[in-house]
Structure formats: structure tokens, C-alpha cells
Amino acid sequence: MAFGRDKKKSYDGGGDDKGMEKRAFQRRKVCRFCAKKEIIIDYKDKFLLKPLITERCKIVPRRISGTCSRHQRKITQAIKRARHLAVIPYTTAQW
């Protein structure tokens, strides 16, 4: 037996599938700013920005919020402006 050589495992999908679970179908997320054109992203609107940040005040990523890339960039810019002007906090209060 040669050192450093391991047997390659075969993942061809054949055989026992006891440990494998099928992924459930998930509905594709739609950007709510594209769906409703009347919503305007503004740094002064803290009620619009509040659901787009976590409890640790991090910006929620696109894959979770479901926004498109154009609106995600606008959201990020608005959140950063709101933080700078103390409309929303940078971090949670540390005790």
C-alpha cells in the first residue's frame, strides 16, 4: 500500500439513499421594490430599513431578503447613510 494515496469514493448516485434527503421546492423570492414601484428607498425611512437589518444590525444579504442587485445596492447605501446620521444604530447596545 502506497502512502498518500487514498481510495476515491464513488458518488455516482447509485446504491443506498438512506442518508440523502430530497430538497423541498422553494418559491423564488421576488424583489418587493420591483413588484411595488411606489416604494421609494430613503435613508430617513427607518421603518422601511428596519426589516432589512438583523438584530445585530448587519445588513441582510440578497439571498435572504430576496431583493434584486440594483435595489440591494440602494438599500446598502441608505442603511449606511442612516447609520452615519444616527437614524439607525451601527451595533446593538453592549452591556
PDB file of N, CA and C in Angstrom:
ATOM      1  N   MET A   1       0.844  -1.180   0.000  1.00  0.00           N
ATOM      2  CA  MET A   1       0.000   0.000   0.000  1.00  0.00           C
ATOM      3  C   MET A   1       0.884   1.235   0.000  1.00  0.00           C
ATOM      4  N   ALA A   2       0.624   2.146  -0.924  1.00  0.00           N
ATOM      5  CA  ALA A   2       1.431   3.359  -1.043  1.00  0.00           C
ATOM      6  C   ALA A   2       0.882   4.419  -0.101  1.00  0.00           C
ATOM      7  N   PHE A   3       1.811   5.175   0.469  1.00  0.00           N
ATOM      8  CA  PHE A   3       1.407   6.235   1.381  1.00  0.00           C
ATOM      9  C   PHE A   3       0.931   7.449   0.585  1.00  0.00           C
ATOM     10  N   GLY A   4      -0.068   8.153   1.133  1.00  0.00           N
ATOM     11  CA  GLY A   4      -0.571   9.352   0.493  1.00  0.00           C
ATOM     12  C   GLY A   4      -1.636   9.098  -0.557  1.00  0.00           C
ATOM     13  N   ARG A   5      -1.911   7.849  -0.836  1.00  0.00           N
ATOM     14  CA  ARG A   5      -2.949   7.546  -1.822  1.00  0.00           C
ATOM     15  C   ARG A   5      -4.150   6.958  -1.103  1.00  0.00           C
ATOM     16  N   ASP A   6      -5.256   7.604  -1.266  1.00  0.00           N
ATOM     17  CA  ASP A   6      -6.492   7.123  -0.663  1.00  0.00           C
ATOM     18  C   ASP A   6      -7.410   6.643  -1.766  1.00  0.00           C
ATOM     19  N   LYS A   7      -8.246   5.722  -1.410  1.00  0.00           N
ATOM     20  CA  LYS A   7      -9.236   5.270  -2.376  1.00  0.00           C
ATOM     21  C   LYS A   7     -10.257   6.377  -2.601  1.00  0.00           C
ATOM     22  N   LYS A   8     -10.563   6.618  -3.846  1.00  0.00           N
ATOM     23  CA  LYS A   8     -11.567   7.627  -4.164  1.00  0.00           C
ATOM     24  C   LYS A   8     -12.952   7.031  -3.961  1.00  0.00           C
ATOM     25  N   LYS A   9     -13.803   7.824  -3.344  1.00  0.00           N
ATOM     26  CA  LYS A   9     -15.172   7.371  -3.127  1.00  0.00           C
ATOM     27  C   LYS A   9     -15.994   7.675  -4.360  1.00  0.00           C
ATOM     28  N   SER A  10     -16.883   6.782  -4.682  1.00  0.00           N
ATOM     29  CA  SER A  10     -17.729   6.952  -5.847  1.00  0.00           C
ATOM     30  C   SER A  10     -19.033   7.622  -5.428  1.00  0.00           C
ATOM     31  N   TYR A  11     -19.327   8.755  -6.044  1.00  0.00           N
ATOM     32  CA  TYR A  11     -20.577   9.476  -5.782  1.00  0.00           C
ATOM     33  C   TYR A  11     -21.422   9.491  -7.045  1.00  0.00           C
ATOM     34  N   ASP A  12     -21.617   8.352  -7.641  1.00  0.00           N
ATOM     35  CA  ASP A  12     -22.375   8.287  -8.881  1.00  0.00           C
ATOM     36  C   ASP A  12     -23.873   8.249  -8.656  1.00  0.00           C
ATOM     37  N   GLY A  13     -24.303   8.274  -7.421  1.00  0.00           N
ATOM     38  CA  GLY A  13     -25.730   8.310  -7.134  1.00  0.00           C
ATOM     39  C   GLY A  13     -26.358   6.948  -7.009  1.00  0.00           C
ATOM     40  N   GLY A  14     -25.645   5.906  -7.297  1.00  0.00           N
ATOM     41  CA  GLY A  14     -26.209   4.575  -7.196  1.00  0.00           C
ATOM     42  C   GLY A  14     -26.141   4.055  -5.775  1.00  0.00           C
ATOM     43  N   GLY A  15     -26.939   3.082  -5.472  1.00  0.00           N
ATOM     44  CA  GLY A  15     -26.866   2.460  -4.162  1.00  0.00           C
ATOM     45  C   GLY A  15     -27.917   2.971  -3.203  1.00  0.00           C
ATOM     46  N   ASP A  16     -27.568   2.907  -1.944  1.00  0.00           N
ATOM     47  CA  ASP A  16     -28.491   3.216  -0.859  1.00  0.00           C
ATOM     48  C   ASP A  16     -28.629   4.723  -0.665  1.00  0.00           C
ATOM     49  N   ASP A  17     -29.850   5.236  -0.586  1.00  0.00           N
ATOM     50  CA  ASP A  17     -30.106   6.665  -0.411  1.00  0.00           C
ATOM     51  C   ASP A  17     -30.732   6.959   0.944  1.00  0.00           C
ATOM     52  N   LYS A  18     -30.363   6.210   1.970  1.00  0.00           N
ATOM     53  CA  LYS A  18     -30.979   6.423   3.281  1.00  0.00           C
ATOM     54  C   LYS A  18     -30.590   7.778   3.878  1.00  0.00           C
ATOM     55  N   GLY A  19     -29.348   8.190   3.722  1.00  0.00           N
ATOM     56  CA  GLY A  19     -28.892   9.445   4.302  1.00  0.00           C
ATOM     57  C   GLY A  19     -29.219  10.667   3.465  1.00  0.00           C
ATOM     58  N   MET A  20     -29.615  10.466   2.236  1.00  0.00           N
ATOM     59  CA  MET A  20     -29.876  11.585   1.335  1.00  0.00           C
ATOM     60  C   MET A  20     -31.350  11.973   1.407  1.00  0.00           C
ATOM     61  N   GLU A  21     -31.587  13.257   1.596  1.00  0.00           N
ATOM     62  CA  GLU A  21     -32.953  13.763   1.585  1.00  0.00           C
ATOM     63  C   GLU A  21     -33.128  14.667   0.386  1.00  0.00           C
ATOM     64  N   LYS A  22     -34.282  14.617  -0.214  1.00  0.00           N
ATOM     65  CA  LYS A  22     -34.563  15.488  -1.340  1.00  0.00           C
ATOM     66  C   LYS A  22     -34.894  16.885  -0.836  1.00  0.00           C
ATOM     67  N   ARG A  23     -34.395  17.882  -1.559  1.00  0.00           N
ATOM     68  CA  ARG A  23     -34.698  19.260  -1.192  1.00  0.00           C
ATOM     69  C   ARG A  23     -36.132  19.593  -1.575  1.00  0.00           C
ATOM     70  N   ALA A  24     -36.808  20.284  -0.697  1.00  0.00           N
ATOM     71  CA  ALA A  24     -38.174  20.701  -0.975  1.00  0.00           C
ATOM     72  C   ALA A  24     -38.140  21.881  -1.948  1.00  0.00           C
ATOM     73  N   PHE A  25     -39.119  21.955  -2.799  1.00  0.00           N
ATOM     74  CA  PHE A  25     -39.207  23.057  -3.761  1.00  0.00           C
ATOM     75  C   PHE A  25     -39.520  24.339  -3.016  1.00  0.00           C
ATOM     76  N   GLN A  26     -38.723  25.366  -3.286  1.00  0.00           N
ATOM     77  CA  GLN A  26     -38.970  26.661  -2.676  1.00  0.00           C
ATOM     78  C   GLN A  26     -39.336  27.658  -3.760  1.00  0.00           C
ATOM     79  N   ARG A  27     -40.298  28.481  -3.446  1.00  0.00           N
ATOM     80  CA  ARG A  27     -40.741  29.503  -4.382  1.00  0.00           C
ATOM     81  C   ARG A  27     -39.649  30.572  -4.515  1.00  0.00           C
ATOM     82  N   ARG A  28     -39.401  31.035  -5.724  1.00  0.00           N
ATOM     83  CA  ARG A  28     -38.386  32.054  -5.965  1.00  0.00           C
ATOM     84  C   ARG A  28     -38.834  33.368  -5.346  1.00  0.00           C
ATOM     85  N   LYS A  29     -37.911  34.013  -4.627  1.00  0.00           N
ATOM     86  CA  LYS A  29     -38.225  35.274  -3.980  1.00  0.00           C
ATOM     87  C   LYS A  29     -38.264  36.389  -5.011  1.00  0.00           C
ATOM     88  N   VAL A  30     -39.214  37.276  -4.861  1.00  0.00           N
ATOM     89  CA  VAL A  30     -39.386  38.389  -5.780  1.00  0.00           C
ATOM     90  C   VAL A  30     -39.011  39.670  -5.050  1.00  0.00           C
ATOM     91  N   CYS A  31     -38.287  40.533  -5.735  1.00  0.00           N
ATOM     92  CA  CYS A  31     -37.900  41.814  -5.151  1.00  0.00           C
ATOM     93  C   CYS A  31     -39.153  42.642  -4.908  1.00  0.00           C
ATOM     94  N   ARG A  32     -39.385  43.011  -3.666  1.00  0.00           N
ATOM     95  CA  ARG A  32     -40.609  43.750  -3.359  1.00  0.00           C
ATOM     96  C   ARG A  32     -40.551  45.186  -3.869  1.00  0.00           C
ATOM     97  N   PHE A  33     -39.351  45.699  -4.110  1.00  0.00           N
ATOM     98  CA  PHE A  33     -39.216  47.053  -4.640  1.00  0.00           C
ATOM     99  C   PHE A  33     -39.482  47.077  -6.144  1.00  0.00           C
ATOM    100  N   CYS A  34     -39.202  45.972  -6.824  1.00  0.00           N
ATOM    101  CA  CYS A  34     -39.553  45.855  -8.244  1.00  0.00           C
ATOM    102  C   CYS A  34     -41.046  45.580  -8.406  1.00  0.00           C
ATOM    103  N   ALA A  35     -41.615  44.819  -7.488  1.00  0.00           N
ATOM    104  CA  ALA A  35     -43.027  44.467  -7.572  1.00  0.00           C
ATOM    105  C   ALA A  35     -43.919  45.679  -7.306  1.00  0.00           C
ATOM    106  N   LYS A  36     -43.551  46.479  -6.310  1.00  0.00           N
ATOM    107  CA  LYS A  36     -44.311  47.692  -5.983  1.00  0.00           C
ATOM    108  C   LYS A  36     -43.427  48.893  -6.283  1.00  0.00           C
ATOM    109  N   LYS A  37     -43.680  49.513  -7.416  1.00  0.00           N
ATOM    110  CA  LYS A  37     -42.853  50.640  -7.872  1.00  0.00           C
ATOM    111  C   LYS A  37     -43.011  51.877  -6.992  1.00  0.00           C
ATOM    112  N   GLU A  38     -44.097  51.958  -6.219  1.00  0.00           N
ATOM    113  CA  GLU A  38     -44.329  53.159  -5.411  1.00  0.00           C
ATOM    114  C   GLU A  38     -43.474  53.212  -4.141  1.00  0.00           C
ATOM    115  N   ILE A  39     -42.830  52.102  -3.772  1.00  0.00           N
ATOM    116  CA  ILE A  39     -41.951  52.099  -2.602  1.00  0.00           C
ATOM    117  C   ILE A  39     -40.629  52.757  -2.988  1.00  0.00           C
ATOM    118  N   ILE A  40     -40.258  53.786  -2.251  1.00  0.00           N
ATOM    119  CA  ILE A  40     -39.018  54.511  -2.510  1.00  0.00           C
ATOM    120  C   ILE A  40     -38.051  54.241  -1.370  1.00  0.00           C
ATOM    121  N   ILE A  41     -36.841  53.862  -1.708  1.00  0.00           N
ATOM    122  CA  ILE A  41     -35.820  53.585  -0.695  1.00  0.00           C
ATOM    123  C   ILE A  41     -35.214  54.913  -0.265  1.00  0.00           C
ATOM    124  N   ASP A  42     -35.383  55.239   1.018  1.00  0.00           N
ATOM    125  CA  ASP A  42     -34.903  56.508   1.553  1.00  0.00           C
ATOM    126  C   ASP A  42     -34.228  56.252   2.890  1.00  0.00           C
ATOM    127  N   TYR A  43     -33.115  56.913   3.125  1.00  0.00           N
ATOM    128  CA  TYR A  43     -32.367  56.702   4.366  1.00  0.00           C
ATOM    129  C   TYR A  43     -33.100  57.231   5.586  1.00  0.00           C
ATOM    130  N   LYS A  44     -34.067  58.128   5.401  1.00  0.00           N
ATOM    131  CA  LYS A  44     -34.812  58.685   6.534  1.00  0.00           C
ATOM    132  C   LYS A  44     -35.961  57.793   6.990  1.00  0.00           C
ATOM    133  N   ASP A  45     -36.333  56.819   6.180  1.00  0.00           N
ATOM    134  CA  ASP A  45     -37.451  55.924   6.481  1.00  0.00           C
ATOM    135  C   ASP A  45     -36.941  54.711   7.261  1.00  0.00           C
ATOM    136  N   LYS A  46     -36.879  54.833   8.581  1.00  0.00           N
ATOM    137  CA  LYS A  46     -36.333  53.741   9.395  1.00  0.00           C
ATOM    138  C   LYS A  46     -37.270  52.538   9.457  1.00  0.00           C
ATOM    139  N   PHE A  47     -38.546  52.729   9.208  1.00  0.00           N
ATOM    140  CA  PHE A  47     -39.490  51.614   9.222  1.00  0.00           C
ATOM    141  C   PHE A  47     -39.326  50.733   7.979  1.00  0.00           C
ATOM    142  N   LEU A  48     -38.827  51.317   6.897  1.00  0.00           N
ATOM    143  CA  LEU A  48     -38.531  50.542   5.701  1.00  0.00           C
ATOM    144  C   LEU A  48     -37.209  49.789   5.864  1.00  0.00           C
ATOM    145  N   LEU A  49     -36.244  50.411   6.530  1.00  0.00           N
ATOM    146  CA  LEU A  49     -34.911  49.824   6.664  1.00  0.00           C
ATOM    147  C   LEU A  49     -34.820  48.812   7.800  1.00  0.00           C
ATOM    148  N   LYS A  50     -35.685  48.917   8.780  1.00  0.00           N
ATOM    149  CA  LYS A  50     -35.617  48.045   9.964  1.00  0.00           C
ATOM    150  C   LYS A  50     -35.678  46.552   9.632  1.00  0.00           C
ATOM    151  N   PRO A  51     -36.581  46.078   8.763  1.00  0.00           N
ATOM    152  CA  PRO A  51     -36.591  44.641   8.456  1.00  0.00           C
ATOM    153  C   PRO A  51     -35.406  44.180   7.602  1.00  0.00           C
ATOM    154  N   LEU A  52     -34.642  45.115   7.070  1.00  0.00           N
ATOM    155  CA  LEU A  52     -33.521  44.770   6.200  1.00  0.00           C
ATOM    156  C   LEU A  52     -32.191  44.705   6.940  1.00  0.00           C
ATOM    157  N   ILE A  53     -32.242  44.810   8.272  1.00  0.00           N
ATOM    158  CA  ILE A  53     -31.053  44.609   9.090  1.00  0.00           C
ATOM    159  C   ILE A  53     -31.376  43.569  10.156  1.00  0.00           C
ATOM    160  N   THR A  54     -30.356  42.827  10.584  1.00  0.00           N
ATOM    161  CA  THR A  54     -30.557  41.780  11.587  1.00  0.00           C
ATOM    162  C   THR A  54     -30.627  42.386  12.977  1.00  0.00           C
ATOM    163  N   GLU A  55     -30.840  41.525  13.985  1.00  0.00           N
ATOM    164  CA  GLU A  55     -30.876  42.014  15.366  1.00  0.00           C
ATOM    165  C   GLU A  55     -29.510  42.494  15.833  1.00  0.00           C
ATOM    166  N   ARG A  56     -28.458  42.083  15.132  1.00  0.00           N
ATOM    167  CA  ARG A  56     -27.102  42.565  15.411  1.00  0.00           C
ATOM    168  C   ARG A  56     -26.734  43.744  14.519  1.00  0.00           C
ATOM    169  N   CYS A  57     -27.717  44.279  13.820  1.00  0.00           N
ATOM    170  CA  CYS A  57     -27.589  45.455  12.950  1.00  0.00           C
ATOM    171  C   CYS A  57     -26.704  45.224  11.742  1.00  0.00           C
ATOM    172  N   LYS A  58     -26.677  44.003  11.242  1.00  0.00           N
ATOM    173  CA  LYS A  58     -25.974  43.724   9.993  1.00  0.00           C
ATOM    174  C   LYS A  58     -26.976  43.823   8.849  1.00  0.00           C
ATOM    175  N   ILE A  59     -26.492  44.156   7.681  1.00  0.00           N
ATOM    176  CA  ILE A  59     -27.355  44.255   6.509  1.00  0.00           C
ATOM    177  C   ILE A  59     -27.696  42.847   6.023  1.00  0.00           C
ATOM    178  N   VAL A  60     -28.976  42.592   5.807  1.00  0.00           N
ATOM    179  CA  VAL A  60     -29.439  41.275   5.366  1.00  0.00           C
ATOM    180  C   VAL A  60     -29.024  41.072   3.910  1.00  0.00           C
ATOM    181  N   PRO A  61     -28.407  39.927   3.574  1.00  0.00           N
ATOM    182  CA  PRO A  61     -27.968  39.699   2.199  1.00  0.00           C
ATOM    183  C   PRO A  61     -29.120  39.463   1.230  1.00  0.00           C
ATOM    184  N   ARG A  62     -28.811  39.572  -0.046  1.00  0.00           N
ATOM    185  CA  ARG A  62     -29.809  39.420  -1.111  1.00  0.00           C
ATOM    186  C   ARG A  62     -30.480  38.073  -1.103  1.00  0.00           C
ATOM    187  N   ARG A  63     -29.704  37.026  -0.856  1.00  0.00           N
ATOM    188  CA  ARG A  63     -30.260  35.671  -0.936  1.00  0.00           C
ATOM    189  C   ARG A  63     -31.317  35.428   0.132  1.00  0.00           C
ATOM    190  N   ILE A  64     -31.283  36.199   1.207  1.00  0.00           N
ATOM    191  CA  ILE A  64     -32.268  36.055   2.279  1.00  0.00           C
ATOM    192  C   ILE A  64     -33.420  37.044   2.101  1.00  0.00           C
ATOM    193  N   SER A  65     -33.102  38.289   1.778  1.00  0.00           N
ATOM    194  CA  SER A  65     -34.153  39.294   1.652  1.00  0.00           C
ATOM    195  C   SER A  65     -34.932  39.157   0.344  1.00  0.00           C
ATOM    196  N   GLY A  66     -34.287  38.635  -0.706  1.00  0.00           N
ATOM    197  CA  GLY A  66     -34.968  38.438  -1.978  1.00  0.00           C
ATOM    198  C   GLY A  66     -34.971  39.659  -2.871  1.00  0.00           C
ATOM    199  N   THR A  67     -34.188  40.676  -2.546  1.00  0.00           N
ATOM    200  CA  THR A  67     -34.146  41.870  -3.381  1.00  0.00           C
ATOM    201  C   THR A  67     -33.211  41.664  -4.563  1.00  0.00           C
ATOM    202  N   CYS A  68     -33.429  42.437  -5.617  1.00  0.00           N
ATOM    203  CA  CYS A  68     -32.548  42.361  -6.786  1.00  0.00           C
ATOM    204  C   CYS A  68     -31.267  43.142  -6.491  1.00  0.00           C
ATOM    205  N   SER A  69     -30.276  42.983  -7.337  1.00  0.00           N
ATOM    206  CA  SER A  69     -28.973  43.592  -7.065  1.00  0.00           C
ATOM    207  C   SER A  69     -29.031  45.120  -7.095  1.00  0.00           C
ATOM    208  N   ARG A  70     -29.828  45.677  -7.987  1.00  0.00           N
ATOM    209  CA  ARG A  70     -29.931  47.136  -8.066  1.00  0.00           C
ATOM    210  C   ARG A  70     -30.515  47.719  -6.780  1.00  0.00           C
ATOM    211  N   HIS A  71     -31.596  47.115  -6.289  1.00  0.00           N
ATOM    212  CA  HIS A  71     -32.215  47.619  -5.070  1.00  0.00           C
ATOM    213  C   HIS A  71     -31.385  47.289  -3.837  1.00  0.00           C
ATOM    214  N   GLN A  72     -30.649  46.181  -3.857  1.00  0.00           N
ATOM    215  CA  GLN A  72     -29.789  45.849  -2.725  1.00  0.00           C
ATOM    216  C   GLN A  72     -28.687  46.905  -2.575  1.00  0.00           C
ATOM    217  N   ARG A  73     -28.150  47.379  -3.681  1.00  0.00           N
ATOM    218  CA  ARG A  73     -27.145  48.444  -3.608  1.00  0.00           C
ATOM    219  C   ARG A  73     -27.739  49.723  -3.046  1.00  0.00           C
ATOM    220  N   LYS A  74     -28.969  50.049  -3.440  1.00  0.00           N
ATOM    221  CA  LYS A  74     -29.633  51.243  -2.908  1.00  0.00           C
ATOM    222  C   LYS A  74     -29.937  51.086  -1.420  1.00  0.00           C
ATOM    223  N   ILE A  75     -30.348  49.890  -1.012  1.00  0.00           N
ATOM    224  CA  ILE A  75     -30.629  49.616   0.398  1.00  0.00           C
ATOM    225  C   ILE A  75     -29.363  49.760   1.229  1.00  0.00           C
ATOM    226  N   THR A  76     -28.259  49.201   0.731  1.00  0.00           N
ATOM    227  CA  THR A  76     -26.989  49.280   1.447  1.00  0.00           C
ATOM    228  C   THR A  76     -26.553  50.720   1.614  1.00  0.00           C
ATOM    229  N   GLN A  77     -26.676  51.502   0.568  1.00  0.00           N
ATOM    230  CA  GLN A  77     -26.302  52.909   0.634  1.00  0.00           C
ATOM    231  C   GLN A  77     -27.196  53.660   1.627  1.00  0.00           C
ATOM    232  N   ALA A  78     -28.498  53.374   1.615  1.00  0.00           N
ATOM    233  CA  ALA A  78     -29.430  54.044   2.523  1.00  0.00           C
ATOM    234  C   ALA A  78     -29.157  53.662   3.979  1.00  0.00           C
ATOM    235  N   ILE A  79     -28.844  52.391   4.241  1.00  0.00           N
ATOM    236  CA  ILE A  79     -28.550  51.948   5.603  1.00  0.00           C
ATOM    237  C   ILE A  79     -27.272  52.611   6.111  1.00  0.00           C
ATOM    238  N   LYS A  80     -26.265  52.697   5.263  1.00  0.00           N
ATOM    239  CA  LYS A  80     -25.006  53.323   5.676  1.00  0.00           C
ATOM    240  C   LYS A  80     -25.183  54.812   5.942  1.00  0.00           C
ATOM    241  N   ARG A  81     -25.997  55.477   5.134  1.00  0.00           N
ATOM    242  CA  ARG A  81     -26.286  56.894   5.386  1.00  0.00           C
ATOM    243  C   ARG A  81     -27.079  57.076   6.678  1.00  0.00           C
ATOM    244  N   ALA A  82     -28.044  56.200   6.893  1.00  0.00           N
ATOM    245  CA  ALA A  82     -28.856  56.293   8.107  1.00  0.00           C
ATOM    246  C   ALA A  82     -28.015  56.031   9.359  1.00  0.00           C
ATOM    247  N   ARG A  83     -27.057  55.124   9.273  1.00  0.00           N
ATOM    248  CA  ARG A  83     -26.153  54.883  10.391  1.00  0.00           C
ATOM    249  C   ARG A  83     -25.297  56.107  10.666  1.00  0.00           C
ATOM    250  N   HIS A  84     -24.776  56.718   9.600  1.00  0.00           N
ATOM    251  CA  HIS A  84     -23.909  57.889   9.749  1.00  0.00           C
ATOM    252  C   HIS A  84     -24.656  59.050  10.410  1.00  0.00           C
ATOM    253  N   LEU A  85     -25.932  59.195  10.097  1.00  0.00           N
ATOM    254  CA  LEU A  85     -26.725  60.279  10.665  1.00  0.00           C
ATOM    255  C   LEU A  85     -27.483  59.857  11.924  1.00  0.00           C
ATOM    256  N   ALA A  86     -27.193  58.685  12.456  1.00  0.00           N
ATOM    257  CA  ALA A  86     -27.762  58.161  13.698  1.00  0.00           C
ATOM    258  C   ALA A  86     -29.276  57.963  13.632  1.00  0.00           C
ATOM    259  N   VAL A  87     -29.790  57.635  12.460  1.00  0.00           N
ATOM    260  CA  VAL A  87     -31.210  57.279  12.334  1.00  0.00           C
ATOM    261  C   VAL A  87     -31.395  55.839  12.820  1.00  0.00           C
ATOM    262  N   ILE A  88     -30.459  54.973  12.460  1.00  0.00           N
ATOM    263  CA  ILE A  88     -30.419  53.596  12.971  1.00  0.00           C
ATOM    264  C   ILE A  88     -29.037  53.346  13.570  1.00  0.00           C
ATOM    265  N   PRO A  89     -28.920  52.414  14.519  1.00  0.00           N
ATOM    266  CA  PRO A  89     -27.618  52.206  15.186  1.00  0.00           C
ATOM    267  C   PRO A  89     -26.642  51.392  14.323  1.00  0.00           C
ATOM    268  N   TYR A  90     -25.350  51.575  14.609  1.00  0.00           N
ATOM    269  CA  TYR A  90     -24.315  50.751  13.980  1.00  0.00           C
ATOM    270  C   TYR A  90     -24.346  49.336  14.549  1.00  0.00           C
ATOM    271  N   THR A  91     -24.445  49.239  15.867  1.00  0.00           N
ATOM    272  CA  THR A  91     -24.463  47.945  16.544  1.00  0.00           C
ATOM    273  C   THR A  91     -25.517  47.959  17.642  1.00  0.00           C
ATOM    274  N   THR A  92     -25.717  46.787  18.236  1.00  0.00           N
ATOM    275  CA  THR A  92     -26.632  46.704  19.374  1.00  0.00           C
ATOM    276  C   THR A  92     -25.935  47.254  20.606  1.00  0.00           C
ATOM    277  N   ALA A  93     -26.685  47.616  21.595  1.00  0.00           N
ATOM    278  CA  ALA A  93     -26.117  48.167  22.821  1.00  0.00           C
ATOM    279  C   ALA A  93     -25.387  47.062  23.584  1.00  0.00           C
ATOM    280  N   GLN A  94     -24.158  47.317  23.957  1.00  0.00           N
ATOM    281  CA  GLN A  94     -23.355  46.339  24.701  1.00  0.00           C
ATOM    282  C   GLN A  94     -23.409  46.675  26.180  1.00  0.00           C
ATOM    283  N   TRP A  95     -23.729  45.700  27.006  1.00  0.00           N
ATOM    284  CA  TRP A  95     -23.795  45.928  28.459  1.00  0.00           C
ATOM    285  C   TRP A  95     -22.685  45.259  29.155  1.00  0.00           C
TER     286      TRP A  95
END
